[in-house]
Amino acid sequence: MKKELFKVIEMDKFEYGLIINALNELRNQCIKEGKTTEFIDEVLIKIFDAPEQKRYFKRKGYIDAR
């Protein structure tokens, strides 16, 4: 039995919106053509339900000037 492969990607708000809009356009096109949208819907739901994680970066060369 093969293990299922999961991939995690990091994206900013612009990239996130771009993916949502692209999938929505593909979904609308499939609806116009009478094709099923089941798989696209599942991916959209996964993207909407994906947890957010804030990243904090240390400043390089930061000197406390107090």
PDB file of N, CA and C in Angstrom:
ATOM      1  N   MET A   1       0.846  -1.188   0.000  1.00  0.00           N
ATOM      2  CA  MET A   1       0.000   0.000   0.000  1.00  0.00           C
ATOM      3  C   MET A   1       0.891   1.251   0.000  1.00  0.00           C
ATOM      4  N   LYS A   2       0.639   2.144  -0.924  1.00  0.00           N
ATOM      5  CA  LYS A   2       1.439   3.362  -1.020  1.00  0.00           C
ATOM      6  C   LYS A   2       0.971   4.401  -0.017  1.00  0.00           C
ATOM      7  N   LYS A   3       1.932   5.154   0.470  1.00  0.00           N
ATOM      8  CA  LYS A   3       1.589   6.264   1.348  1.00  0.00           C
ATOM      9  C   LYS A   3       1.095   7.429   0.512  1.00  0.00           C
ATOM     10  N   GLU A   4       0.133   8.144   1.057  1.00  0.00           N
ATOM     11  CA  GLU A   4      -0.383   9.314   0.364  1.00  0.00           C
ATOM     12  C   GLU A   4       0.616  10.455   0.525  1.00  0.00           C
ATOM     13  N   LEU A   5       0.877  11.165  -0.539  1.00  0.00           N
ATOM     14  CA  LEU A   5       1.844  12.257  -0.541  1.00  0.00           C
ATOM     15  C   LEU A   5       1.134  13.573  -0.244  1.00  0.00           C
ATOM     16  N   PHE A   6       1.640  14.302   0.736  1.00  0.00           N
ATOM     17  CA  PHE A   6       1.113  15.613   1.077  1.00  0.00           C
ATOM     18  C   PHE A   6       2.185  16.644   0.796  1.00  0.00           C
ATOM     19  N   LYS A   7       1.769  17.787   0.293  1.00  0.00           N
ATOM     20  CA  LYS A   7       2.704  18.883   0.060  1.00  0.00           C
ATOM     21  C   LYS A   7       2.184  20.123   0.772  1.00  0.00           C
ATOM     22  N   VAL A   8       3.080  20.852   1.386  1.00  0.00           N
ATOM     23  CA  VAL A   8       2.747  22.086   2.080  1.00  0.00           C
ATOM     24  C   VAL A   8       3.461  23.214   1.362  1.00  0.00           C
ATOM     25  N   ILE A   9       2.726  24.258   1.042  1.00  0.00           N
ATOM     26  CA  ILE A   9       3.343  25.407   0.379  1.00  0.00           C
ATOM     27  C   ILE A   9       3.083  26.662   1.199  1.00  0.00           C
ATOM     28  N   GLU A  10       3.998  27.588   1.116  1.00  0.00           N
ATOM     29  CA  GLU A  10       3.834  28.884   1.762  1.00  0.00           C
ATOM     30  C   GLU A  10       3.464  29.895   0.699  1.00  0.00           C
ATOM     31  N   MET A  11       2.486  30.738   1.005  1.00  0.00           N
ATOM     32  CA  MET A  11       2.087  31.768   0.044  1.00  0.00           C
ATOM     33  C   MET A  11       1.602  32.995   0.799  1.00  0.00           C
ATOM     34  N   ASP A  12       1.732  34.120   0.139  1.00  0.00           N
ATOM     35  CA  ASP A  12       1.228  35.351   0.734  1.00  0.00           C
ATOM     36  C   ASP A  12      -0.233  35.549   0.311  1.00  0.00           C
ATOM     37  N   LYS A  13      -0.828  36.649   0.757  1.00  0.00           N
ATOM     38  CA  LYS A  13      -2.250  36.897   0.477  1.00  0.00           C
ATOM     39  C   LYS A  13      -2.525  37.018  -1.021  1.00  0.00           C
ATOM     40  N   PHE A  14      -1.610  37.604  -1.754  1.00  0.00           N
ATOM     41  CA  PHE A  14      -1.789  37.768  -3.198  1.00  0.00           C
ATOM     42  C   PHE A  14      -1.820  36.412  -3.888  1.00  0.00           C
ATOM     43  N   GLU A  15      -0.864  35.556  -3.560  1.00  0.00           N
ATOM     44  CA  GLU A  15      -0.794  34.225  -4.171  1.00  0.00           C
ATOM     45  C   GLU A  15      -2.018  33.387  -3.795  1.00  0.00           C
ATOM     46  N   TYR A  16      -2.446  33.503  -2.546  1.00  0.00           N
ATOM     47  CA  TYR A  16      -3.628  32.794  -2.077  1.00  0.00           C
ATOM     48  C   TYR A  16      -4.865  33.218  -2.893  1.00  0.00           C
ATOM     49  N   GLY A  17      -5.027  34.513  -3.055  1.00  0.00           N
ATOM     50  CA  GLY A  17      -6.151  35.030  -3.837  1.00  0.00           C
ATOM     51  C   GLY A  17      -6.081  34.610  -5.293  1.00  0.00           C
ATOM     52  N   LEU A  18      -4.880  34.572  -5.836  1.00  0.00           N
ATOM     53  CA  LEU A  18      -4.687  34.160  -7.221  1.00  0.00           C
ATOM     54  C   LEU A  18      -5.138  32.718  -7.436  1.00  0.00           C
ATOM     55  N   ILE A  19      -4.783  31.841  -6.517  1.00  0.00           N
ATOM     56  CA  ILE A  19      -5.181  30.437  -6.624  1.00  0.00           C
ATOM     57  C   ILE A  19      -6.692  30.294  -6.485  1.00  0.00           C
ATOM     58  N   ILE A  20      -7.288  31.000  -5.531  1.00  0.00           N
ATOM     59  CA  ILE A  20      -8.739  30.942  -5.353  1.00  0.00           C
ATOM     60  C   ILE A  20      -9.448  31.413  -6.610  1.00  0.00           C
ATOM     61  N   ASN A  21      -9.004  32.540  -7.177  1.00  0.00           N
ATOM     62  CA  ASN A  21      -9.645  33.071  -8.383  1.00  0.00           C
ATOM     63  C   ASN A  21      -9.475  32.132  -9.574  1.00  0.00           C
ATOM     64  N   ALA A  22      -8.304  31.537  -9.722  1.00  0.00           N
ATOM     65  CA  ALA A  22      -8.063  30.618 -10.842  1.00  0.00           C
ATOM     66  C   ALA A  22      -8.954  29.380 -10.734  1.00  0.00           C
ATOM     67  N   LEU A  23      -9.053  28.817  -9.535  1.00  0.00           N
ATOM     68  CA  LEU A  23      -9.909  27.648  -9.348  1.00  0.00           C
ATOM     69  C   LEU A  23     -11.379  27.994  -9.544  1.00  0.00           C
ATOM     70  N   ASN A  24     -11.777  29.172  -9.121  1.00  0.00           N
ATOM     71  CA  ASN A  24     -13.164  29.600  -9.303  1.00  0.00           C
ATOM     72  C   ASN A  24     -13.483  29.792 -10.785  1.00  0.00           C
ATOM     73  N   GLU A  25     -12.554  30.369 -11.538  1.00  0.00           N
ATOM     74  CA  GLU A  25     -12.747  30.524 -12.988  1.00  0.00           C
ATOM     75  C   GLU A  25     -12.852  29.158 -13.669  1.00  0.00           C
ATOM     76  N   LEU A  26     -11.998  28.221 -13.266  1.00  0.00           N
ATOM     77  CA  LEU A  26     -12.058  26.863 -13.815  1.00  0.00           C
ATOM     78  C   LEU A  26     -13.392  26.212 -13.477  1.00  0.00           C
ATOM     79  N   ARG A  27     -13.864  26.418 -12.264  1.00  0.00           N
ATOM     80  CA  ARG A  27     -15.151  25.866 -11.839  1.00  0.00           C
ATOM     81  C   ARG A  27     -16.286  26.451 -12.669  1.00  0.00           C
ATOM     82  N   ASN A  28     -16.273  27.766 -12.871  1.00  0.00           N
ATOM     83  CA  ASN A  28     -17.310  28.418 -13.682  1.00  0.00           C
ATOM     84  C   ASN A  28     -17.294  27.902 -15.117  1.00  0.00           C
ATOM     85  N   GLN A  29     -16.112  27.694 -15.664  1.00  0.00           N
ATOM     86  CA  GLN A  29     -15.980  27.179 -17.025  1.00  0.00           C
ATOM     87  C   GLN A  29     -16.546  25.761 -17.117  1.00  0.00           C
ATOM     88  N   CYS A  30     -16.262  24.940 -16.133  1.00  0.00           N
ATOM     89  CA  CYS A  30     -16.793  23.570 -16.120  1.00  0.00           C
ATOM     90  C   CYS A  30     -18.314  23.571 -16.015  1.00  0.00           C
ATOM     91  N   ILE A  31     -18.855  24.477 -15.225  1.00  0.00           N
ATOM     92  CA  ILE A  31     -20.312  24.571 -15.095  1.00  0.00           C
ATOM     93  C   ILE A  31     -20.938  24.947 -16.439  1.00  0.00           C
ATOM     94  N   LYS A  32     -20.326  25.908 -17.151  1.00  0.00           N
ATOM     95  CA  LYS A  32     -20.842  26.307 -18.468  1.00  0.00           C
ATOM     96  C   LYS A  32     -20.810  25.153 -19.460  1.00  0.00           C
ATOM     97  N   GLU A  33     -19.781  24.302 -19.352  1.00  0.00           N
ATOM     98  CA  GLU A  33     -19.627  23.173 -20.270  1.00  0.00           C
ATOM     99  C   GLU A  33     -20.391  21.941 -19.807  1.00  0.00           C
ATOM    100  N   GLY A  34     -21.037  22.019 -18.657  1.00  0.00           N
ATOM    101  CA  GLY A  34     -21.810  20.910 -18.149  1.00  0.00           C
ATOM    102  C   GLY A  34     -20.979  19.797 -17.534  1.00  0.00           C
ATOM    103  N   LYS A  35     -19.745  20.091 -17.181  1.00  0.00           N
ATOM    104  CA  LYS A  35     -18.858  19.090 -16.567  1.00  0.00           C
ATOM    105  C   LYS A  35     -19.012  19.122 -15.055  1.00  0.00           C
ATOM    106  N   THR A  36     -18.613  18.039 -14.418  1.00  0.00           N
ATOM    107  CA  THR A  36     -18.683  17.974 -12.965  1.00  0.00           C
ATOM    108  C   THR A  36     -17.607  18.856 -12.318  1.00  0.00           C
ATOM    109  N   THR A  37     -17.945  19.434 -11.183  1.00  0.00           N
ATOM    110  CA  THR A  37     -17.002  20.307 -10.468  1.00  0.00           C
ATOM    111  C   THR A  37     -16.621  19.728  -9.112  1.00  0.00           C
ATOM    112  N   GLU A  38     -16.902  18.464  -8.913  1.00  0.00           N
ATOM    113  CA  GLU A  38     -16.694  17.823  -7.612  1.00  0.00           C
ATOM    114  C   GLU A  38     -15.252  17.960  -7.116  1.00  0.00           C
ATOM    115  N   PHE A  39     -14.288  17.666  -7.970  1.00  0.00           N
ATOM    116  CA  PHE A  39     -12.884  17.715  -7.552  1.00  0.00           C
ATOM    117  C   PHE A  39     -12.426  19.151  -7.301  1.00  0.00           C
ATOM    118  N   ILE A  40     -12.878  20.072  -8.114  1.00  0.00           N
ATOM    119  CA  ILE A  40     -12.513  21.479  -7.919  1.00  0.00           C
ATOM    120  C   ILE A  40     -13.098  21.983  -6.609  1.00  0.00           C
ATOM    121  N   ASP A  41     -14.343  21.598  -6.319  1.00  0.00           N
ATOM    122  CA  ASP A  41     -14.979  21.990  -5.062  1.00  0.00           C
ATOM    123  C   ASP A  41     -14.204  21.469  -3.859  1.00  0.00           C
ATOM    124  N   GLU A  42     -13.746  20.222  -3.939  1.00  0.00           N
ATOM    125  CA  GLU A  42     -12.979  19.637  -2.836  1.00  0.00           C
ATOM    126  C   GLU A  42     -11.673  20.391  -2.600  1.00  0.00           C
ATOM    127  N   VAL A  43     -10.992  20.773  -3.673  1.00  0.00           N
ATOM    128  CA  VAL A  43      -9.740  21.512  -3.538  1.00  0.00           C
ATOM    129  C   VAL A  43      -9.998  22.898  -2.956  1.00  0.00           C
ATOM    130  N   LEU A  44     -11.052  23.560  -3.417  1.00  0.00           N
ATOM    131  CA  LEU A  44     -11.392  24.876  -2.873  1.00  0.00           C
ATOM    132  C   LEU A  44     -11.688  24.789  -1.370  1.00  0.00           C
ATOM    133  N   ILE A  45     -12.411  23.776  -0.964  1.00  0.00           N
ATOM    134  CA  ILE A  45     -12.725  23.615   0.457  1.00  0.00           C
ATOM    135  C   ILE A  45     -11.450  23.376   1.258  1.00  0.00           C
ATOM    136  N   LYS A  46     -10.527  22.569   0.727  1.00  0.00           N
ATOM    137  CA  LYS A  46      -9.258  22.330   1.420  1.00  0.00           C
ATOM    138  C   LYS A  46      -8.470  23.626   1.575  1.00  0.00           C
ATOM    139  N   ILE A  47      -8.471  24.438   0.535  1.00  0.00           N
ATOM    140  CA  ILE A  47      -7.732  25.700   0.596  1.00  0.00           C
ATOM    141  C   ILE A  47      -8.359  26.645   1.610  1.00  0.00           C
ATOM    142  N   PHE A  48      -9.708  26.728   1.615  1.00  0.00           N
ATOM    143  CA  PHE A  48     -10.385  27.597   2.579  1.00  0.00           C
ATOM    144  C   PHE A  48     -10.169  27.137   4.012  1.00  0.00           C
ATOM    145  N   ASP A  49     -10.095  25.823   4.235  1.00  0.00           N
ATOM    146  CA  ASP A  49      -9.957  25.273   5.578  1.00  0.00           C
ATOM    147  C   ASP A  49      -8.506  25.119   6.036  1.00  0.00           C
ATOM    148  N   ALA A  50      -7.552  25.442   5.187  1.00  0.00           N
ATOM    149  CA  ALA A  50      -6.139  25.288   5.546  1.00  0.00           C
ATOM    150  C   ALA A  50      -5.791  26.239   6.695  1.00  0.00           C
ATOM    151  N   PRO A  51      -5.051  25.750   7.677  1.00  0.00           N
ATOM    152  CA  PRO A  51      -4.696  26.612   8.811  1.00  0.00           C
ATOM    153  C   PRO A  51      -3.679  27.679   8.405  1.00  0.00           C
ATOM    154  N   GLU A  52      -3.768  28.803   9.079  1.00  0.00           N
ATOM    155  CA  GLU A  52      -2.813  29.883   8.835  1.00  0.00           C
ATOM    156  C   GLU A  52      -1.715  29.803   9.880  1.00  0.00           C
ATOM    157  N   GLN A  53      -0.530  30.192   9.480  1.00  0.00           N
ATOM    158  CA  GLN A  53       0.585  30.216  10.413  1.00  0.00           C
ATOM    159  C   GLN A  53       1.378  31.482  10.149  1.00  0.00           C
ATOM    160  N   LYS A  54       1.527  32.288  11.184  1.00  0.00           N
ATOM    161  CA  LYS A  54       2.306  33.507  11.042  1.00  0.00           C
ATOM    162  C   LYS A  54       3.777  33.162  11.161  1.00  0.00           C
ATOM    163  N   ARG A  55       4.580  33.834  10.377  1.00  0.00           N
ATOM    164  CA  ARG A  55       6.026  33.611  10.420  1.00  0.00           C
ATOM    165  C   ARG A  55       6.688  34.883  10.913  1.00  0.00           C
ATOM    166  N   TYR A  56       7.588  34.716  11.803  1.00  0.00           N
ATOM    167  CA  TYR A  56       8.348  35.841  12.325  1.00  0.00           C
ATOM    168  C   TYR A  56       9.802  35.673  11.909  1.00  0.00           C
ATOM    169  N   PHE A  57      10.365  36.747  11.413  1.00  0.00           N
ATOM    170  CA  PHE A  57      11.742  36.713  10.959  1.00  0.00           C
ATOM    171  C   PHE A  57      12.579  37.607  11.854  1.00  0.00           C
ATOM    172  N   LYS A  58      13.750  37.132  12.228  1.00  0.00           N
ATOM    173  CA  LYS A  58      14.672  37.944  13.006  1.00  0.00           C
ATOM    174  C   LYS A  58      15.353  38.919  12.073  1.00  0.00           C
ATOM    175  N   ARG A  59      15.550  40.117  12.569  1.00  0.00           N
ATOM    176  CA  ARG A  59      16.270  41.108  11.767  1.00  0.00           C
ATOM    177  C   ARG A  59      17.754  40.831  11.836  1.00  0.00           C
ATOM    178  N   LYS A  60      18.384  40.859  10.710  1.00  0.00           N
ATOM    179  CA  LYS A  60      19.825  40.659  10.689  1.00  0.00           C
ATOM    180  C   LYS A  60      20.517  41.989  11.013  1.00  0.00           C
ATOM    181  N   GLY A  61      21.475  41.935  11.885  1.00  0.00           N
ATOM    182  CA  GLY A  61      22.243  43.129  12.209  1.00  0.00           C
ATOM    183  C   GLY A  61      21.494  44.118  13.068  1.00  0.00           C
ATOM    184  N   TYR A  62      20.427  43.675  13.732  1.00  0.00           N
ATOM    185  CA  TYR A  62      19.655  44.579  14.585  1.00  0.00           C
ATOM    186  C   TYR A  62      20.434  44.888  15.852  1.00  0.00           C
ATOM    187  N   ILE A  63      20.579  46.178  16.126  1.00  0.00           N
ATOM    188  CA  ILE A  63      21.307  46.614  17.316  1.00  0.00           C
ATOM    189  C   ILE A  63      20.357  47.421  18.174  1.00  0.00           C
ATOM    190  N   ASP A  64      20.262  47.072  19.444  1.00  0.00           N
ATOM    191  CA  ASP A  64      19.411  47.788  20.361  1.00  0.00           C
ATOM    192  C   ASP A  64      20.061  49.137  20.676  1.00  0.00           C
ATOM    193  N   ALA A  65      19.448  50.235  20.267  1.00  0.00           N
ATOM    194  CA  ALA A  65      20.052  51.557  20.374  1.00  0.00           C
ATOM    195  C   ALA A  65      19.590  52.308  21.600  1.00  0.00           C
ATOM    196  N   ARG A  66      19.213  51.615  22.659  1.00  0.00           N
ATOM    197  CA  ARG A  66      18.745  52.302  23.862  1.00  0.00           C
ATOM    198  C   ARG A  66      19.866  52.879  24.638  1.00  0.00           C
TER     199      ARG A  66
END
